[in-house]
Amino acid sequence: MSISIISCPQCQAMVLSDAVRCHVCDHLLDQHGEEELPTPALPTDEAVADDLEVCKTCGETYRTGLVRCWNCGSFTRDDIKAAFDRMSSDPGRVAVREQQFPELPEVTSRSGPWKISAVARHEQDPRENAPLVNSSGEELAASDDDFSFELADDIHLSDAPEEPPLPETDETYGLAEPEVAEAPAPTVVYPVVAVEPEAAPAEIPPLETPQRSVAPEENTVAHSEATAGDVLLKIAQQEEVDIAQTKKNYASKVRGGFVVYCPMGCRIRVQDRHRGKAGKCPKCGSVFFVPRKQPKPKVDAVAAEAAPVAAAVEKWRGWTDDVHLHSVLPQKLRIKPDSLLKEFIQVDLVASAEGLLVMTLVAAPGFMGANLKKKPAIRAAAQEHLRTVGNIEGLQVAQQRWYPTEMLSQLSIAQPSPADVESLFGNIPVFGTGRIAVRLPRLSDGPAIEYLSFSLGGFRQFAEVLSSVCGVSGLGSNTEIPLSETYNTVKCHYSDFPVQELLGVEYYQKDPAFKLQITGWRCGGCGLVVSEDSRKKEKIGGLNGKAIAKAKCPKCVAKFGQHPMYAVEVPPVEATAPAEAESVPA
């Protein structure tokens, strides 16, 4: 398919040869094509069809209620246009408008003519009573009738004090610097403060005379109010000095003593020789007892050294080795089962009451897994550091991530997702069938999202550590994860004995830490249940049950199918040999 490009004859823009109009200047290129091309309809055409009007001047459509047409600017209503014409023809309004918005005079400079602003014009003539002029330079005179008014009976006018004239402007259109005049010293009025005779402050020196002239409008605050804070501050400082001196004098008289309290709350200072004796309060007369000196407890040096270590060991608990950490980029994610099963790095988890620590012991496996052989030594060194130091500073690991306790509430189950939460992976086990994935909180603004994946036993241990150490409980409680062994009890068709069926069996099958045993079989057609003992007795599917998928159900006479029922195998308890009974003579 070939594409040809032509030039617009009006604006010379590059357009396609089959275009009907130019996309730049809207020039019509094909008259017949425009007739065949339908006018595109907008989604809002029907909604505003009844709210449009046509301009009488230019023919453009506009929304109902506009005063002027948005295209040509003409009035849409005749009454508004007539009112505007009357206001424009009023000479009084025109004169006032020219006074308020005079035309800016044109000034010629090297760069060409330009109009001086009102601010610059005011700087040229800063006088407050400068005459108003129009655009032609003629002065506008105002009559007395324009400013005539009458005062109320309760209002009286008086002559204002004369103010010094403003300095004249210099050639640079700026105010001349005022001459510093010696202003009379203001009268200093000190506040009257009631104080005790012994706590009277020292003589307050008079304030220095300011070196600048104070304008009448600036001297609005009384000097007593402006200096009251300084006076009160000096009084408080002097009181503190007097109190400290009194305490020092009293302590110098009674040295080596200590304070006790009588039953009525009076303070009594006694000496060390009075310990173990009773006395009478000199103020209230009540009897008080001076306690004996308590001996200091002996501290064992070995126990003192072991105390920080024990506290550090108690602080860090729940160490979990070789947990899978997945860094997922959503744009590169493949939504299919087990797509992220082998894309992980191994990390160690350790928790405390302050948060969760995720440590990467080695950055990469190295050549032929050489770095993996160093993991036990690095793990032992990290455990020793946390046991002795007690904090994460100085850990000799490849990478560490610290999640405070307040961030652990953001932990969420990603696989399997809760029933009321839409899964990012569409409920497909991308981390592996029978595995549990937990989304970690974000520590940075990077594009990757980090997940921890566990088997069933590892997740139970992780949830227990979060609950007992970090105080975060209920992780996974709103999902189908079996946090504990749960069974469904049914009856055998032959013996009527109860048969236990383990729920969530796929999580147990993928965890090598659990061993399962077959408790019975279920028919795929009618749901008939046969226990393993009854199957062996009735010889359904042979002695070993290998052919049970093709065996006929005794109820629906259909193929039984491969639907076993499991239970967690309980390890047998080692039986101890009974002790030989002592021979007792008859």
Protein backbone atom coordinates (compact mmCIF):
# COMPACT_ATOMS: atom_id res chain seq x y z
CA MET A 1 0.00 0.00 0.00
CA SER A 2 1.55 3.30 -1.13
CA ILE A 3 1.00 6.62 0.60
CA SER A 4 1.38 9.94 -1.22
CA ILE A 5 1.73 13.34 0.42
CA ILE A 6 0.83 16.69 -1.18
CA SER A 7 1.19 20.33 -0.12
CA CYS A 8 -1.75 22.46 0.90
CA PRO A 9 -2.18 25.22 -1.72
CA GLN A 10 -3.05 27.76 0.96
CA CYS A 11 -0.63 27.14 3.88
CA GLN A 12 1.89 24.76 2.20
CA ALA A 13 1.43 22.20 4.99
CA MET A 14 2.12 18.51 4.28
CA VAL A 15 -1.16 16.55 4.07
CA LEU A 16 -2.19 13.15 2.73
CA SER A 17 -3.39 12.98 -0.84
CA ASP A 18 -6.78 11.51 0.11
CA ALA A 19 -7.47 14.21 2.78
CA VAL A 20 -10.63 16.26 2.30
CA ARG A 21 -9.47 19.30 4.33
CA CYS A 22 -6.11 20.61 5.49
CA HIS A 23 -5.50 19.84 9.16
CA VAL A 24 -3.66 23.17 9.65
CA CYS A 25 -5.71 25.86 7.89
CA ASP A 26 -8.92 23.83 7.27
CA HIS A 27 -8.69 24.55 3.53
CA LEU A 28 -11.09 22.48 1.41
CA LEU A 29 -9.07 20.17 -0.84
CA ASP A 30 -11.81 17.89 -2.26
CA GLN A 31 -15.28 19.38 -2.79
CA HIS A 32 -16.93 16.05 -3.60
CA GLY A 33 -15.21 14.33 -0.68
CA GLU A 34 -16.70 16.78 1.79
CA GLU A 35 -20.19 16.02 0.53
CA GLU A 36 -19.65 12.28 0.97
CA LEU A 37 -17.88 12.63 4.32
CA PRO A 38 -20.44 12.69 7.16
CA THR A 39 -20.10 15.24 9.90
CA PRO A 40 -18.76 13.48 13.01
CA ALA A 41 -21.10 13.57 15.95
CA LEU A 42 -19.87 14.34 19.44
CA PRO A 43 -21.12 12.50 22.54
CA THR A 44 -22.50 15.75 23.96
CA ASP A 45 -24.43 16.88 20.86
CA GLU A 46 -27.73 15.42 22.03
CA ALA A 47 -27.33 16.80 25.55
CA VAL A 48 -26.83 20.42 24.38
CA ALA A 49 -29.02 20.35 21.27
CA ASP A 50 -31.86 22.16 23.07
CA ASP A 51 -29.48 24.66 24.71
CA LEU A 52 -27.93 26.25 21.58
CA GLU A 53 -28.79 29.42 19.69
CA VAL A 54 -27.50 30.90 16.41
CA CYS A 55 -25.77 34.27 16.28
CA LYS A 56 -27.57 36.75 14.03
CA THR A 57 -24.32 38.37 12.95
CA CYS A 58 -21.89 35.54 12.15
CA GLY A 59 -24.17 32.48 12.21
CA GLU A 60 -22.10 30.65 14.88
CA THR A 61 -23.86 28.62 17.57
CA TYR A 62 -23.50 29.58 21.22
CA ARG A 63 -24.92 28.42 24.56
CA THR A 64 -28.12 30.01 25.76
CA GLY A 65 -27.51 32.74 28.31
CA LEU A 66 -24.35 34.30 26.83
CA VAL A 67 -24.39 38.10 26.63
CA ARG A 68 -21.95 38.29 23.71
CA CYS A 69 -21.22 35.88 20.93
CA TRP A 70 -17.93 34.07 21.54
CA ASN A 71 -17.02 34.30 17.84
CA CYS A 72 -17.79 37.85 16.71
CA GLY A 73 -18.45 39.60 20.05
CA SER A 74 -21.84 41.01 19.11
CA PHE A 75 -24.64 41.25 21.67
CA THR A 76 -27.09 38.37 21.70
CA ARG A 77 -29.98 40.41 23.16
CA ASP A 78 -31.23 43.73 21.86
CA ASP A 79 -32.21 45.09 25.27
CA ILE A 80 -28.67 44.55 26.64
CA LYS A 81 -27.18 46.24 23.56
CA ALA A 82 -29.53 49.22 23.97
CA ALA A 83 -28.61 49.56 27.66
CA PHE A 84 -24.90 49.41 26.79
CA ASP A 85 -25.33 52.11 24.14
CA ARG A 86 -27.12 54.38 26.64
CA MET A 87 -24.33 53.93 29.20
CA SER A 88 -21.65 54.59 26.56
CA SER A 89 -23.36 57.76 25.32
CA ASP A 90 -23.71 59.24 28.84
CA PRO A 91 -21.11 62.11 29.03
CA GLY A 92 -20.89 61.95 32.81
CA ARG A 93 -19.92 58.28 32.80
CA VAL A 94 -17.41 58.88 30.01
CA ALA A 95 -15.72 61.70 31.98
CA VAL A 96 -15.51 59.58 35.13
CA ARG A 97 -14.11 56.66 33.14
CA GLU A 98 -11.45 58.90 31.58
CA GLN A 99 -10.52 60.16 35.07
CA GLN A 100 -10.25 56.64 36.50
CA PHE A 101 -8.58 55.09 33.47
CA PRO A 102 -6.70 57.84 31.64
CA GLU A 103 -4.93 56.98 28.45
CA LEU A 104 -1.24 56.36 29.02
CA PRO A 105 1.00 58.95 27.38
CA GLU A 106 3.40 57.79 24.73
CA VAL A 107 7.10 58.10 25.53
CA THR A 108 9.85 57.76 22.97
CA SER A 109 13.03 55.88 23.89
CA ARG A 110 15.91 54.23 22.06
CA SER A 111 13.95 51.02 21.69
CA GLY A 112 10.93 52.83 20.24
CA PRO A 113 7.65 54.35 21.48
CA TRP A 114 6.13 52.87 24.59
CA LYS A 115 3.45 53.81 27.12
CA ILE A 116 4.44 54.80 30.61
CA SER A 117 2.60 53.02 33.40
CA ALA A 118 0.60 54.70 36.13
CA VAL A 119 3.22 53.73 38.73
CA ALA A 120 6.02 55.38 36.77
CA ARG A 121 3.86 58.48 36.22
CA HIS A 122 3.25 58.66 39.98
CA GLU A 123 6.99 58.44 40.62
CA GLN A 124 7.50 61.41 38.29
CA ASP A 125 4.89 63.40 40.23
CA PRO A 126 4.53 61.88 43.73
CA ARG A 127 2.55 64.73 45.18
CA GLU A 128 -0.67 63.64 46.76
CA ASN A 129 -2.66 66.61 45.38
CA ALA A 130 -1.37 66.32 41.84
CA PRO A 131 -4.00 67.54 39.34
CA LEU A 132 -5.84 65.03 37.20
CA VAL A 133 -5.22 65.35 33.48
CA ASN A 134 -6.77 63.62 30.51
CA SER A 135 -5.06 62.01 27.54
CA SER A 136 -4.59 65.43 25.86
CA GLY A 137 -2.80 66.90 28.89
CA GLU A 138 -5.67 69.20 29.89
CA GLU A 139 -6.30 69.55 33.62
CA LEU A 140 -9.66 68.32 34.84
CA ALA A 141 -11.34 70.75 37.24
CA ALA A 142 -13.79 69.53 39.82
CA SER A 143 -16.63 71.73 41.07
CA ASP A 144 -17.77 72.05 44.68
CA ASP A 145 -21.02 70.34 43.82
CA ASP A 146 -19.14 67.11 43.18
CA PHE A 147 -17.96 66.98 46.79
CA SER A 148 -20.95 68.50 48.63
CA PHE A 149 -22.20 66.67 51.74
CA GLU A 150 -23.68 67.43 55.14
CA LEU A 151 -22.34 66.35 58.53
CA ALA A 152 -24.50 64.81 61.22
CA ASP A 153 -25.27 66.83 64.36
CA ASP A 154 -23.09 64.66 66.61
CA ILE A 155 -19.96 65.02 64.45
CA HIS A 156 -17.54 67.94 64.96
CA LEU A 157 -14.44 68.72 62.96
CA SER A 158 -11.19 70.15 64.32
CA ASP A 159 -7.94 71.25 62.73
CA ALA A 160 -5.35 68.47 62.48
CA PRO A 161 -1.80 69.18 63.68
CA GLU A 162 0.56 70.36 61.05
CA GLU A 163 2.82 67.70 59.61
CA PRO A 164 6.30 68.33 58.27
CA PRO A 165 6.34 68.63 54.48
CA LEU A 166 7.63 65.75 52.43
CA PRO A 167 11.11 66.17 50.96
CA GLU A 168 11.34 67.09 47.33
CA THR A 169 12.22 64.51 44.72
CA ASP A 170 15.58 64.43 43.01
CA GLU A 171 16.37 63.90 39.35
CA THR A 172 16.25 60.12 39.62
CA TYR A 173 12.53 60.16 40.49
CA GLY A 174 13.22 58.88 44.02
CA LEU A 175 12.66 60.36 47.45
CA ALA A 176 15.58 62.16 48.97
CA GLU A 177 16.98 60.67 52.12
CA PRO A 178 15.52 62.50 55.14
CA GLU A 179 17.83 64.44 57.35
CA VAL A 180 18.22 62.86 60.79
CA ALA A 181 16.85 65.33 63.29
CA GLU A 182 17.39 65.17 66.99
CA ALA A 183 14.00 64.13 68.31
CA PRO A 184 13.15 64.92 71.92
CA ALA A 185 13.63 61.97 74.24
CA PRO A 186 10.29 60.26 74.89
CA THR A 187 9.02 60.22 78.42
CA VAL A 188 9.77 56.86 80.06
CA VAL A 189 6.84 55.57 82.08
CA TYR A 190 7.59 52.46 84.12
CA PRO A 191 4.75 50.11 85.13
CA VAL A 192 3.83 49.87 88.77
CA VAL A 193 4.52 46.28 89.90
CA ALA A 194 3.79 45.08 93.43
CA VAL A 195 6.82 43.11 94.72
CA GLU A 196 8.08 41.97 98.05
CA PRO A 197 10.60 44.25 99.76
CA GLU A 198 13.37 41.62 99.80
CA ALA A 199 12.78 40.77 96.10
CA ALA A 200 12.94 44.36 94.79
CA PRO A 201 14.85 44.56 91.49
CA ALA A 202 17.88 46.71 90.98
CA GLU A 203 17.53 50.19 89.61
CA ILE A 204 16.49 50.07 86.00
CA PRO A 205 18.59 52.31 83.77
CA PRO A 206 16.72 54.64 81.46
CA LEU A 207 16.19 53.49 77.92
CA GLU A 208 18.45 54.85 75.22
CA THR A 209 17.03 57.56 73.03
CA PRO A 210 16.34 56.25 69.54
CA GLN A 211 18.50 57.77 66.82
CA ARG A 212 15.76 58.14 64.24
CA SER A 213 12.72 60.33 64.03
CA VAL A 214 9.50 58.59 64.94
CA ALA A 215 6.55 59.33 62.74
CA PRO A 216 3.32 60.25 64.52
CA GLU A 217 1.52 57.22 63.13
CA GLU A 218 4.24 54.83 64.41
CA ASN A 219 4.15 56.04 68.05
CA THR A 220 0.76 54.45 68.78
CA VAL A 221 1.82 52.08 71.65
CA ALA A 222 2.48 53.52 75.10
CA HIS A 223 6.05 53.21 76.26
CA SER A 224 4.92 51.51 79.50
CA GLU A 225 3.29 48.71 77.52
CA ALA A 226 6.35 48.31 75.27
CA THR A 227 8.78 47.94 78.20
CA ALA A 228 6.58 46.03 80.65
CA GLY A 229 7.90 42.66 79.49
CA ASP A 230 11.53 43.64 80.13
CA VAL A 231 10.74 44.90 83.63
CA LEU A 232 8.85 41.76 84.63
CA LEU A 233 11.62 39.57 83.21
CA LYS A 234 14.24 41.33 85.35
CA ILE A 235 12.02 40.99 88.43
CA ALA A 236 11.64 37.23 87.84
CA GLN A 237 15.39 36.82 87.34
CA GLN A 238 16.10 38.66 90.59
CA GLU A 239 13.60 36.47 92.47
CA GLU A 240 15.32 33.32 91.18
CA VAL A 241 18.69 34.66 92.37
CA ASP A 242 17.28 35.40 95.85
CA ILE A 243 15.70 31.94 96.16
CA ALA A 244 18.91 30.22 95.10
CA GLN A 245 20.91 32.27 97.62
CA THR A 246 18.47 31.40 100.43
CA LYS A 247 18.72 27.69 99.64
CA LYS A 248 22.50 27.92 99.59
CA ASN A 249 22.63 29.66 102.98
CA TYR A 250 20.28 27.13 104.55
CA ALA A 251 22.17 24.18 103.13
CA SER A 252 25.45 25.61 104.43
CA LYS A 253 24.05 25.59 107.96
CA VAL A 254 22.74 22.02 107.79
CA ARG A 255 25.24 19.88 105.91
CA GLY A 256 25.11 16.17 105.40
CA GLY A 257 21.39 15.98 106.25
CA PHE A 258 18.40 14.81 104.26
CA VAL A 259 14.71 15.67 104.20
CA VAL A 260 11.91 13.53 105.65
CA TYR A 261 8.20 14.22 105.95
CA CYS A 262 6.02 13.95 109.01
CA PRO A 263 2.53 12.35 108.83
CA MET A 264 1.03 15.81 108.24
CA GLY A 265 3.36 16.53 105.29
CA CYS A 266 5.79 18.96 106.93
CA ARG A 267 9.36 19.00 105.63
CA ILE A 268 11.98 18.17 108.29
CA ARG A 269 15.73 18.09 107.67
CA VAL A 270 17.57 15.54 109.84
CA GLN A 271 21.15 14.27 110.07
CA ASP A 272 22.44 10.80 109.30
CA ARG A 273 22.90 10.10 113.02
CA HIS A 274 19.13 10.33 113.48
CA ARG A 275 18.43 7.26 111.33
CA GLY A 276 16.33 4.64 113.08
CA LYS A 277 15.05 7.10 115.69
CA ALA A 278 11.69 8.74 116.30
CA GLY A 279 11.13 12.47 116.74
CA LYS A 280 8.47 15.14 117.07
CA CYS A 281 7.74 17.63 114.29
CA PRO A 282 8.63 21.19 115.42
CA LYS A 283 5.73 22.64 113.38
CA CYS A 284 2.71 20.41 114.03
CA GLY A 285 3.96 18.25 116.90
CA SER A 286 3.22 14.92 115.22
CA VAL A 287 5.57 11.98 115.76
CA PHE A 288 7.64 10.88 112.76
CA PHE A 289 10.19 8.11 112.21
CA VAL A 290 13.52 8.50 110.40
CA PRO A 291 14.07 5.44 108.18
CA ARG A 292 17.22 3.40 108.34
CA LYS A 293 19.70 3.41 105.47
CA GLN A 294 19.01 0.62 103.02
CA PRO A 295 22.09 -1.40 102.03
CA LYS A 296 22.95 -1.44 98.33
CA PRO A 297 22.27 -4.80 96.70
CA LYS A 298 25.33 -6.73 95.66
CA VAL A 299 25.61 -7.03 91.89
CA ASP A 300 27.26 -10.09 90.47
CA ALA A 301 29.85 -9.10 87.88
CA VAL A 302 29.12 -12.12 85.70
CA ALA A 303 25.38 -11.50 85.85
CA ALA A 304 25.89 -7.82 85.05
CA GLU A 305 27.88 -8.70 81.94
CA ALA A 306 25.36 -11.31 80.87
CA ALA A 307 22.33 -9.04 81.36
CA PRO A 308 22.74 -7.05 78.09
CA VAL A 309 23.39 -10.27 76.18
CA ALA A 310 20.29 -11.88 77.66
CA ALA A 311 18.24 -8.79 76.80
CA ALA A 312 19.54 -8.86 73.22
CA VAL A 313 18.75 -12.56 72.89
CA GLU A 314 15.27 -11.93 74.29
CA LYS A 315 14.79 -9.02 71.86
CA TRP A 316 15.49 -10.92 68.61
CA ARG A 317 13.38 -14.05 68.22
CA GLY A 318 11.82 -16.18 65.52
CA TRP A 319 14.81 -16.67 63.20
CA THR A 320 13.66 -18.21 59.88
CA ASP A 321 16.19 -19.41 57.29
CA ASP A 322 16.07 -19.46 53.48
CA VAL A 323 12.74 -17.78 52.80
CA HIS A 324 11.95 -17.05 49.13
CA LEU A 325 11.94 -13.32 48.25
CA HIS A 326 10.46 -12.39 44.84
CA SER A 327 10.92 -8.96 43.18
CA VAL A 328 8.05 -8.63 40.69
CA LEU A 329 7.80 -6.07 37.90
CA PRO A 330 4.09 -5.87 36.94
CA GLN A 331 4.86 -4.93 33.32
CA LYS A 332 7.02 -8.06 32.88
CA LEU A 333 4.78 -10.47 34.78
CA ARG A 334 3.62 -13.64 33.03
CA ILE A 335 0.24 -14.74 34.33
CA LYS A 336 0.54 -18.52 34.30
CA PRO A 337 1.01 -21.18 37.00
CA ASP A 338 4.49 -21.47 38.54
CA SER A 339 5.86 -18.54 36.49
CA LEU A 340 7.59 -17.06 39.58
CA LEU A 341 8.36 -20.34 41.33
CA LYS A 342 12.09 -20.27 40.49
CA GLU A 343 12.60 -16.49 40.32
CA PHE A 344 13.63 -15.70 43.89
CA ILE A 345 16.52 -15.06 46.26
CA GLN A 346 16.88 -16.61 49.70
CA VAL A 347 16.64 -14.33 52.75
CA ASP A 348 16.59 -14.82 56.50
CA LEU A 349 13.88 -13.34 58.74
CA VAL A 350 14.26 -12.32 62.36
CA ALA A 351 11.69 -10.38 64.39
CA SER A 352 11.62 -8.21 67.47
CA ALA A 353 9.05 -6.10 69.24
CA GLU A 354 10.24 -3.11 67.18
CA GLY A 355 9.80 -4.65 63.73
CA LEU A 356 10.87 -7.28 61.18
CA LEU A 357 14.40 -7.62 59.73
CA VAL A 358 14.84 -9.21 56.27
CA MET A 359 18.50 -10.05 55.54
CA THR A 360 20.11 -11.16 52.29
CA LEU A 361 23.24 -13.01 53.37
CA VAL A 362 24.93 -13.28 49.93
CA ALA A 363 24.23 -11.09 46.92
CA ALA A 364 24.73 -13.83 44.27
CA PRO A 365 25.47 -17.58 44.30
CA GLY A 366 28.83 -17.01 42.63
CA PHE A 367 30.78 -19.35 40.39
CA MET A 368 29.42 -22.88 40.85
CA GLY A 369 27.70 -21.76 44.07
CA ALA A 370 30.89 -20.74 45.87
CA ASN A 371 29.17 -17.93 47.81
CA LEU A 372 26.43 -20.25 49.04
CA LYS A 373 29.02 -22.19 51.03
CA LYS A 374 29.71 -19.01 53.04
CA LYS A 375 26.08 -18.59 54.18
CA PRO A 376 26.39 -20.62 57.41
CA ALA A 377 29.36 -18.55 58.57
CA ILE A 378 27.65 -15.25 57.64
CA ARG A 379 24.45 -16.36 59.37
CA ALA A 380 26.35 -17.31 62.55
CA ALA A 381 28.15 -13.93 62.55
CA ALA A 382 24.83 -12.08 62.14
CA GLN A 383 23.27 -14.04 64.99
CA GLU A 384 26.27 -13.29 67.21
CA HIS A 385 26.06 -9.57 66.33
CA LEU A 386 22.38 -9.37 67.22
CA ARG A 387 22.98 -11.39 70.38
CA THR A 388 25.78 -9.16 71.67
CA VAL A 389 25.15 -5.71 70.14
CA GLY A 390 21.37 -5.88 70.04
CA ASN A 391 20.81 -3.57 67.04
CA ILE A 392 21.11 -3.84 63.26
CA GLU A 393 23.89 -1.28 62.84
CA GLY A 394 27.07 -2.87 61.56
CA LEU A 395 25.55 -6.13 60.31
CA GLN A 396 27.93 -7.81 57.84
CA VAL A 397 25.34 -8.97 55.29
CA ALA A 398 24.81 -8.24 51.61
CA GLN A 399 21.52 -6.38 52.11
CA GLN A 400 19.07 -5.74 54.90
CA ARG A 401 15.51 -4.43 54.92
CA TRP A 402 13.96 -3.08 58.12
CA TYR A 403 10.18 -2.93 58.51
CA PRO A 404 9.04 -1.12 61.70
CA THR A 405 6.06 -2.46 63.62
CA GLU A 406 3.76 0.28 62.32
CA MET A 407 4.47 -0.85 58.74
CA LEU A 408 3.75 -4.53 59.41
CA SER A 409 0.03 -3.82 59.44
CA GLN A 410 0.38 -3.31 55.66
CA LEU A 411 1.31 -6.97 55.12
CA SER A 412 -1.26 -8.63 52.87
CA ILE A 413 -1.82 -12.10 51.44
CA ALA A 414 -1.27 -12.12 47.67
CA GLN A 415 -1.69 -15.88 47.06
CA PRO A 416 -4.30 -17.14 47.74
CA SER A 417 -6.10 -13.80 47.72
CA PRO A 418 -8.96 -13.12 50.16
CA ALA A 419 -12.49 -13.59 48.89
CA ASP A 420 -13.30 -9.86 48.99
CA VAL A 421 -10.04 -8.72 47.31
CA GLU A 422 -9.40 -8.77 43.57
CA SER A 423 -6.20 -10.69 42.85
CA LEU A 424 -3.42 -9.04 40.83
CA PHE A 425 -2.63 -12.47 39.38
CA GLY A 426 -6.21 -13.49 38.64
CA ASN A 427 -6.18 -16.25 41.31
CA ILE A 428 -3.53 -18.12 39.29
CA PRO A 429 -0.76 -19.67 41.46
CA VAL A 430 2.16 -17.81 39.87
CA PHE A 431 4.34 -18.41 42.97
CA GLY A 432 3.75 -22.17 42.78
CA THR A 433 0.83 -24.47 43.50
CA GLY A 434 0.28 -24.94 47.20
CA ARG A 435 2.53 -22.01 48.19
CA ILE A 436 1.54 -18.87 50.13
CA ALA A 437 2.76 -15.39 49.09
CA VAL A 438 2.82 -12.31 51.34
CA ARG A 439 3.23 -8.82 49.91
CA LEU A 440 5.75 -6.64 51.76
CA PRO A 441 5.24 -2.89 52.33
CA ARG A 442 7.07 -0.55 49.95
CA LEU A 443 10.32 0.93 51.27
CA SER A 444 11.14 2.98 48.14
CA ASP A 445 9.51 4.36 45.01
CA GLY A 446 10.99 1.66 42.78
CA PRO A 447 8.82 -0.14 40.21
CA ALA A 448 9.35 -3.61 41.71
CA ILE A 449 6.96 -5.13 44.26
CA GLU A 450 8.47 -7.57 46.76
CA TYR A 451 6.79 -10.75 47.99
CA LEU A 452 7.72 -13.48 50.47
CA SER A 453 6.56 -17.00 49.58
CA PHE A 454 6.27 -19.86 52.06
CA SER A 455 5.20 -23.44 52.26
CA LEU A 456 2.37 -24.15 54.69
CA GLY A 457 4.67 -24.91 57.64
CA GLY A 458 6.86 -21.88 57.00
CA PHE A 459 3.86 -19.57 56.80
CA ARG A 460 2.45 -20.91 60.07
CA GLN A 461 5.79 -20.20 61.75
CA PHE A 462 5.96 -16.71 60.21
CA ALA A 463 2.40 -15.86 61.33
CA GLU A 464 3.15 -17.13 64.85
CA VAL A 465 6.30 -14.96 65.08
CA LEU A 466 4.39 -11.86 63.93
CA SER A 467 1.67 -12.49 66.50
CA SER A 468 3.86 -13.35 69.51
CA VAL A 469 6.83 -11.02 68.91
CA CYS A 470 5.60 -8.10 66.78
CA GLY A 471 2.00 -8.01 67.96
CA VAL A 472 0.54 -8.38 64.43
CA SER A 473 -2.14 -11.07 64.51
CA GLY A 474 -4.71 -12.39 62.07
CA LEU A 475 -2.46 -12.69 58.99
CA GLY A 476 -4.18 -15.08 56.56
CA SER A 477 -7.29 -15.56 58.71
CA ASN A 478 -9.58 -14.27 55.94
CA THR A 479 -8.25 -16.68 53.29
CA GLU A 480 -8.50 -20.40 52.56
CA ILE A 481 -5.08 -21.06 54.12
CA PRO A 482 -5.39 -23.87 56.73
CA LEU A 483 -3.80 -22.24 59.75
CA SER A 484 -4.48 -25.47 61.66
CA GLU A 485 -5.55 -29.01 60.74
CA THR A 486 -9.25 -28.98 59.84
CA TYR A 487 -11.17 -32.15 58.95
CA ASN A 488 -14.50 -33.00 57.42
CA THR A 489 -15.98 -36.16 58.96
CA VAL A 490 -18.13 -38.52 56.82
CA LYS A 491 -19.36 -42.11 57.22
CA CYS A 492 -18.15 -45.20 55.38
CA HIS A 493 -20.70 -46.90 53.10
CA TYR A 494 -19.86 -50.36 54.37
CA SER A 495 -18.92 -50.04 58.04
CA ASP A 496 -20.59 -46.71 59.02
CA PHE A 497 -17.34 -45.81 60.76
CA PRO A 498 -16.34 -42.12 60.61
CA VAL A 499 -13.79 -41.17 57.97
CA GLN A 500 -11.77 -37.97 58.33
CA GLU A 501 -11.12 -35.83 55.24
CA LEU A 502 -8.37 -33.20 55.49
CA LEU A 503 -9.31 -29.76 54.10
CA GLY A 504 -6.81 -27.78 52.02
CA VAL A 505 -4.87 -30.92 51.21
CA GLU A 506 -2.96 -29.29 48.30
CA TYR A 507 -0.99 -27.11 50.77
CA TYR A 508 0.01 -30.21 52.79
CA GLN A 509 1.05 -32.13 49.67
CA LYS A 510 3.47 -29.37 48.59
CA ASP A 511 5.13 -29.16 52.01
CA PRO A 512 7.62 -32.00 52.62
CA ALA A 513 7.37 -31.39 56.37
CA PHE A 514 3.93 -33.01 56.45
CA LYS A 515 3.30 -36.71 55.88
CA LEU A 516 -0.17 -37.77 54.75
CA GLN A 517 -1.98 -41.07 54.88
CA ILE A 518 -5.05 -42.20 52.91
CA THR A 519 -8.16 -42.53 55.06
CA GLY A 520 -10.74 -43.30 52.37
CA TRP A 521 -11.97 -42.87 48.81
CA ARG A 522 -14.82 -40.87 47.31
CA CYS A 523 -16.76 -41.82 44.19
CA GLY A 524 -16.53 -39.20 41.49
CA GLY A 525 -20.10 -39.79 40.33
CA CYS A 526 -22.37 -40.13 43.35
CA GLY A 527 -20.00 -39.12 46.14
CA LEU A 528 -20.06 -42.48 47.92
CA VAL A 529 -17.37 -42.73 50.63
CA VAL A 530 -15.45 -45.94 51.34
CA SER A 531 -12.83 -46.09 54.05
CA GLU A 532 -9.41 -47.52 53.32
CA ASP A 533 -10.05 -50.50 55.59
CA SER A 534 -13.36 -51.27 53.88
CA ARG A 535 -11.75 -50.94 50.45
CA LYS A 536 -9.17 -53.51 51.41
CA LYS A 537 -11.84 -55.77 52.86
CA GLU A 538 -14.09 -55.49 49.79
CA LYS A 539 -11.07 -55.58 47.45
CA ILE A 540 -12.15 -52.51 45.50
CA GLY A 541 -9.39 -51.67 43.03
CA GLY A 542 -7.23 -54.61 44.03
CA LEU A 543 -5.25 -55.22 47.15
CA ASN A 544 -3.20 -52.00 46.85
CA GLY A 545 -5.97 -49.87 45.33
CA LYS A 546 -4.04 -49.12 42.15
CA ALA A 547 -7.01 -49.97 39.95
CA ILE A 548 -9.62 -48.08 41.94
CA ALA A 549 -10.00 -45.45 39.21
CA LYS A 550 -11.56 -48.09 36.91
CA ALA A 551 -13.44 -49.97 39.64
CA LYS A 552 -17.24 -49.81 39.64
CA CYS A 553 -19.04 -47.93 42.41
CA PRO A 554 -21.38 -50.23 44.35
CA LYS A 555 -24.07 -47.53 44.33
CA CYS A 556 -24.09 -45.84 40.91
CA VAL A 557 -22.21 -48.62 39.03
CA ALA A 558 -20.00 -45.91 37.44
CA LYS A 559 -16.24 -45.71 37.52
CA PHE A 560 -15.00 -44.83 41.00
CA GLY A 561 -12.30 -42.41 39.85
CA GLN A 562 -9.13 -41.27 41.64
CA HIS A 563 -10.43 -39.22 44.57
CA PRO A 564 -8.53 -40.17 47.74
CA MET A 565 -9.13 -38.65 51.18
CA TYR A 566 -6.17 -37.81 53.41
CA ALA A 567 -5.27 -37.13 57.00
CA VAL A 568 -2.02 -35.89 58.56
CA GLU A 569 0.02 -38.84 59.73
CA VAL A 570 0.73 -38.66 63.43
CA PRO A 571 4.17 -39.99 64.36
CA PRO A 572 3.92 -43.01 66.63
CA VAL A 573 4.78 -42.58 70.27
CA GLU A 574 7.81 -44.58 71.27
CA ALA A 575 6.68 -47.19 73.76
CA THR A 576 8.94 -47.56 76.74
CA ALA A 577 9.58 -51.01 78.19
CA PRO A 578 7.77 -51.52 81.50
CA ALA A 579 9.99 -51.71 84.52
CA GLU A 580 10.43 -55.13 86.02
CA ALA A 581 8.24 -55.56 89.04
CA GLU A 582 10.00 -56.25 92.24
CA SER A 583 9.47 -59.73 93.55
CA VAL A 584 7.32 -59.65 96.58
CA PRO A 585 7.22 -62.79 98.66
CA ALA A 586 3.85 -64.35 98.95
